[in-house]
Amino acid sequence: MRIHLIAPSRREVLRSRAKASVAPPLGLAVLASLTPAEVEVSLTDENLTSVAFERSADIVCSTAATHTATRAYELADAVRARWVK
């Protein structure tokens, strides 16, 4: 089984690719550390890199705060369009 965790970025950070002074996605890191060893886990922090939509996963999880909620919804739509059969 493959799980992909995504921490969305704010829109202005995506447009400028400026470094955002945000805390790392510790909630997703904890979730990844609690996942059984036989499960392949990958994590994308959009503040650092773009989401690789060519990758596939059985489960995709995202986190969001108020300032990243709109981007989280956009990512969810993109994931459904590409990965849900």
N, C-alpha and C. Protein backbone atom coordinates (compact mmCIF):
# COMPACT_ATOMS: atom_id res chain seq x y z
N MET A 1 0.84 -1.17 0.00
CA MET A 1 0.00 0.00 0.00
C MET A 1 0.89 1.24 0.00
N ARG A 2 0.44 2.27 -0.71
CA ARG A 2 1.18 3.53 -0.78
C ARG A 2 0.29 4.67 -0.29
N ILE A 3 0.85 5.49 0.59
CA ILE A 3 0.15 6.67 1.11
C ILE A 3 0.98 7.89 0.75
N HIS A 4 0.33 8.90 0.21
CA HIS A 4 1.02 10.15 -0.11
C HIS A 4 0.42 11.26 0.74
N LEU A 5 1.26 11.96 1.49
CA LEU A 5 0.84 13.04 2.37
C LEU A 5 1.24 14.37 1.73
N ILE A 6 0.33 15.34 1.73
CA ILE A 6 0.60 16.63 1.09
C ILE A 6 0.32 17.76 2.08
N ALA A 7 1.31 18.65 2.19
CA ALA A 7 1.15 19.89 2.95
C ALA A 7 1.04 21.02 1.94
N PRO A 8 -0.15 21.61 1.75
CA PRO A 8 -0.31 22.65 0.74
C PRO A 8 0.35 23.96 1.16
N SER A 9 0.66 24.77 0.15
CA SER A 9 1.27 26.07 0.38
C SER A 9 0.24 27.16 0.16
N ARG A 10 0.59 28.36 0.56
CA ARG A 10 -0.27 29.51 0.25
C ARG A 10 -0.09 29.87 -1.21
N ARG A 11 -1.10 30.46 -1.82
CA ARG A 11 -1.05 30.82 -3.25
C ARG A 11 0.11 31.77 -3.56
N GLU A 12 0.35 32.76 -2.72
CA GLU A 12 1.39 33.73 -3.02
C GLU A 12 2.78 33.09 -3.00
N VAL A 13 2.96 32.07 -2.21
CA VAL A 13 4.23 31.36 -2.19
C VAL A 13 4.38 30.54 -3.47
N LEU A 14 3.29 29.94 -3.94
CA LEU A 14 3.34 29.17 -5.18
C LEU A 14 3.67 30.06 -6.37
N ARG A 15 3.07 31.24 -6.41
CA ARG A 15 3.31 32.15 -7.54
C ARG A 15 4.75 32.66 -7.57
N SER A 16 5.28 33.03 -6.42
CA SER A 16 6.60 33.64 -6.40
C SER A 16 7.71 32.62 -6.15
N ARG A 17 7.33 31.45 -5.65
CA ARG A 17 8.28 30.43 -5.22
C ARG A 17 9.26 31.00 -4.19
N ALA A 18 8.77 32.05 -3.48
CA ALA A 18 9.55 32.61 -2.39
C ALA A 18 9.50 31.64 -1.22
N LYS A 19 10.52 31.67 -0.43
CA LYS A 19 10.53 30.80 0.75
C LYS A 19 9.54 31.35 1.77
N ALA A 20 8.69 30.52 2.23
CA ALA A 20 7.72 30.92 3.24
C ALA A 20 8.28 30.61 4.61
N SER A 21 8.04 31.48 5.53
CA SER A 21 8.49 31.21 6.89
C SER A 21 7.34 30.53 7.63
N VAL A 22 7.23 29.26 7.41
CA VAL A 22 6.16 28.48 8.02
C VAL A 22 6.78 27.31 8.76
N ALA A 23 6.04 26.79 9.69
CA ALA A 23 6.50 25.61 10.41
C ALA A 23 6.41 24.40 9.49
N PRO A 24 7.32 23.46 9.63
CA PRO A 24 7.24 22.25 8.81
C PRO A 24 5.97 21.48 9.14
N PRO A 25 5.52 20.62 8.23
CA PRO A 25 4.27 19.88 8.45
C PRO A 25 4.47 18.76 9.47
N LEU A 26 4.57 19.12 10.74
CA LEU A 26 4.86 18.13 11.77
C LEU A 26 3.72 17.13 11.96
N GLY A 27 2.49 17.56 11.76
CA GLY A 27 1.36 16.64 11.89
C GLY A 27 1.46 15.50 10.90
N LEU A 28 1.81 15.83 9.66
CA LEU A 28 1.97 14.79 8.64
C LEU A 28 3.20 13.92 8.93
N ALA A 29 4.26 14.52 9.46
CA ALA A 29 5.45 13.75 9.81
C ALA A 29 5.15 12.75 10.93
N VAL A 30 4.37 13.17 11.90
CA VAL A 30 3.96 12.25 12.98
C VAL A 30 3.10 11.13 12.41
N LEU A 31 2.15 11.48 11.54
CA LEU A 31 1.31 10.48 10.90
C LEU A 31 2.16 9.46 10.15
N ALA A 32 3.15 9.95 9.40
CA ALA A 32 4.04 9.06 8.66
C ALA A 32 4.82 8.15 9.60
N SER A 33 5.27 8.69 10.72
CA SER A 33 6.06 7.88 11.65
C SER A 33 5.22 6.81 12.35
N LEU A 34 3.93 7.04 12.46
CA LEU A 34 3.04 6.07 13.12
C LEU A 34 2.47 5.03 12.15
N THR A 35 2.77 5.19 10.87
CA THR A 35 2.28 4.26 9.86
C THR A 35 3.10 2.98 9.91
N PRO A 36 2.48 1.82 9.79
CA PRO A 36 3.23 0.56 9.82
C PRO A 36 4.34 0.52 8.77
N ALA A 37 5.41 -0.17 9.09
CA ALA A 37 6.61 -0.21 8.24
C ALA A 37 6.34 -0.78 6.85
N GLU A 38 5.36 -1.66 6.71
CA GLU A 38 5.09 -2.26 5.40
C GLU A 38 4.36 -1.33 4.44
N VAL A 39 3.94 -0.16 4.93
CA VAL A 39 3.25 0.82 4.10
C VAL A 39 4.27 1.84 3.61
N GLU A 40 4.28 2.07 2.30
CA GLU A 40 5.18 3.07 1.71
C GLU A 40 4.55 4.45 1.87
N VAL A 41 5.28 5.35 2.52
CA VAL A 41 4.76 6.70 2.78
C VAL A 41 5.66 7.72 2.10
N SER A 42 5.04 8.67 1.39
CA SER A 42 5.79 9.79 0.82
C SER A 42 5.12 11.08 1.28
N LEU A 43 5.90 12.14 1.39
CA LEU A 43 5.41 13.41 1.89
C LEU A 43 5.87 14.52 0.96
N THR A 44 4.96 15.39 0.57
CA THR A 44 5.29 16.57 -0.23
C THR A 44 4.91 17.80 0.55
N ASP A 45 5.86 18.69 0.78
CA ASP A 45 5.61 19.99 1.38
C ASP A 45 5.70 20.99 0.24
N GLU A 46 4.57 21.57 -0.16
CA GLU A 46 4.55 22.48 -1.30
C GLU A 46 5.35 23.75 -1.08
N ASN A 47 5.73 24.04 0.16
CA ASN A 47 6.60 25.18 0.41
C ASN A 47 8.00 24.90 -0.11
N LEU A 48 8.30 23.62 -0.33
CA LEU A 48 9.64 23.23 -0.79
C LEU A 48 9.67 22.68 -2.20
N THR A 49 8.62 21.98 -2.60
CA THR A 49 8.60 21.34 -3.91
C THR A 49 7.17 21.21 -4.42
N SER A 50 7.03 20.99 -5.70
CA SER A 50 5.70 20.81 -6.30
C SER A 50 5.21 19.38 -6.09
N VAL A 51 3.90 19.22 -6.13
CA VAL A 51 3.30 17.88 -6.02
C VAL A 51 3.55 17.14 -7.33
N ALA A 52 4.05 15.92 -7.24
CA ALA A 52 4.32 15.09 -8.42
C ALA A 52 3.05 14.30 -8.73
N PHE A 53 2.23 14.83 -9.63
CA PHE A 53 0.96 14.18 -9.93
C PHE A 53 1.14 12.91 -10.75
N GLU A 54 2.32 12.69 -11.32
CA GLU A 54 2.53 11.44 -12.06
C GLU A 54 2.70 10.26 -11.11
N ARG A 55 2.94 10.52 -9.86
CA ARG A 55 3.04 9.48 -8.84
C ARG A 55 1.64 8.98 -8.52
N SER A 56 1.51 7.74 -8.15
CA SER A 56 0.20 7.24 -7.75
C SER A 56 0.26 6.77 -6.31
N ALA A 57 -0.90 6.71 -5.68
CA ALA A 57 -0.99 6.28 -4.29
C ALA A 57 -2.36 5.66 -4.07
N ASP A 58 -2.43 4.80 -3.08
CA ASP A 58 -3.71 4.20 -2.71
C ASP A 58 -4.53 5.16 -1.84
N ILE A 59 -3.82 5.94 -1.03
CA ILE A 59 -4.46 6.92 -0.15
C ILE A 59 -3.68 8.22 -0.26
N VAL A 60 -4.39 9.33 -0.38
CA VAL A 60 -3.76 10.65 -0.38
C VAL A 60 -4.37 11.44 0.77
N CYS A 61 -3.51 12.00 1.61
CA CYS A 61 -3.96 12.80 2.75
C CYS A 61 -3.38 14.19 2.63
N SER A 62 -4.12 15.16 3.10
CA SER A 62 -3.65 16.53 3.10
C SER A 62 -4.01 17.15 4.43
N THR A 63 -3.28 18.17 4.77
CA THR A 63 -3.58 18.96 5.95
C THR A 63 -3.85 20.38 5.47
N ALA A 64 -4.47 21.18 6.29
CA ALA A 64 -4.72 22.56 5.89
C ALA A 64 -4.94 23.42 7.12
N ALA A 65 -4.53 24.65 6.97
CA ALA A 65 -4.85 25.70 7.93
C ALA A 65 -5.70 26.71 7.16
N THR A 66 -6.22 27.69 7.83
CA THR A 66 -7.09 28.65 7.17
C THR A 66 -6.43 29.26 5.94
N HIS A 67 -5.17 29.63 6.06
CA HIS A 67 -4.49 30.30 4.95
C HIS A 67 -4.08 29.35 3.82
N THR A 68 -4.19 28.04 4.01
CA THR A 68 -3.88 27.08 2.94
C THR A 68 -5.09 26.27 2.50
N ALA A 69 -6.26 26.56 3.06
CA ALA A 69 -7.45 25.75 2.78
C ALA A 69 -7.84 25.77 1.30
N THR A 70 -7.80 26.93 0.68
CA THR A 70 -8.18 27.01 -0.73
C THR A 70 -7.26 26.15 -1.58
N ARG A 71 -5.97 26.20 -1.32
CA ARG A 71 -5.02 25.37 -2.07
C ARG A 71 -5.25 23.89 -1.77
N ALA A 72 -5.59 23.55 -0.55
CA ALA A 72 -5.88 22.15 -0.21
C ALA A 72 -7.06 21.63 -1.01
N TYR A 73 -8.09 22.46 -1.18
CA TYR A 73 -9.24 22.07 -2.01
C TYR A 73 -8.83 21.88 -3.47
N GLU A 74 -7.99 22.78 -3.98
CA GLU A 74 -7.51 22.66 -5.36
C GLU A 74 -6.72 21.35 -5.54
N LEU A 75 -5.87 21.05 -4.58
CA LEU A 75 -5.09 19.80 -4.65
C LEU A 75 -6.01 18.58 -4.61
N ALA A 76 -7.01 18.63 -3.75
CA ALA A 76 -7.94 17.50 -3.65
C ALA A 76 -8.66 17.28 -4.99
N ASP A 77 -9.08 18.36 -5.63
CA ASP A 77 -9.72 18.25 -6.95
C ASP A 77 -8.76 17.67 -7.97
N ALA A 78 -7.51 18.13 -7.96
CA ALA A 78 -6.51 17.64 -8.92
C ALA A 78 -6.20 16.16 -8.69
N VAL A 79 -6.10 15.77 -7.44
CA VAL A 79 -5.83 14.36 -7.12
C VAL A 79 -6.99 13.49 -7.58
N ARG A 80 -8.22 13.91 -7.29
CA ARG A 80 -9.38 13.13 -7.74
C ARG A 80 -9.42 13.01 -9.25
N ALA A 81 -9.11 14.08 -9.95
CA ALA A 81 -9.15 14.07 -11.42
C ALA A 81 -8.10 13.14 -12.01
N ARG A 82 -6.96 13.00 -11.35
CA ARG A 82 -5.87 12.22 -11.91
C ARG A 82 -5.81 10.79 -11.38
N TRP A 83 -6.14 10.58 -10.12
CA TRP A 83 -5.86 9.29 -9.49
C TRP A 83 -7.09 8.44 -9.22
N VAL A 84 -8.26 9.03 -9.12
CA VAL A 84 -9.45 8.25 -8.81
C VAL A 84 -9.97 7.63 -10.11
N LYS A 85 -10.16 6.30 -10.06
CA LYS A 85 -10.61 5.59 -11.27
C LYS A 85 -12.09 5.32 -11.22
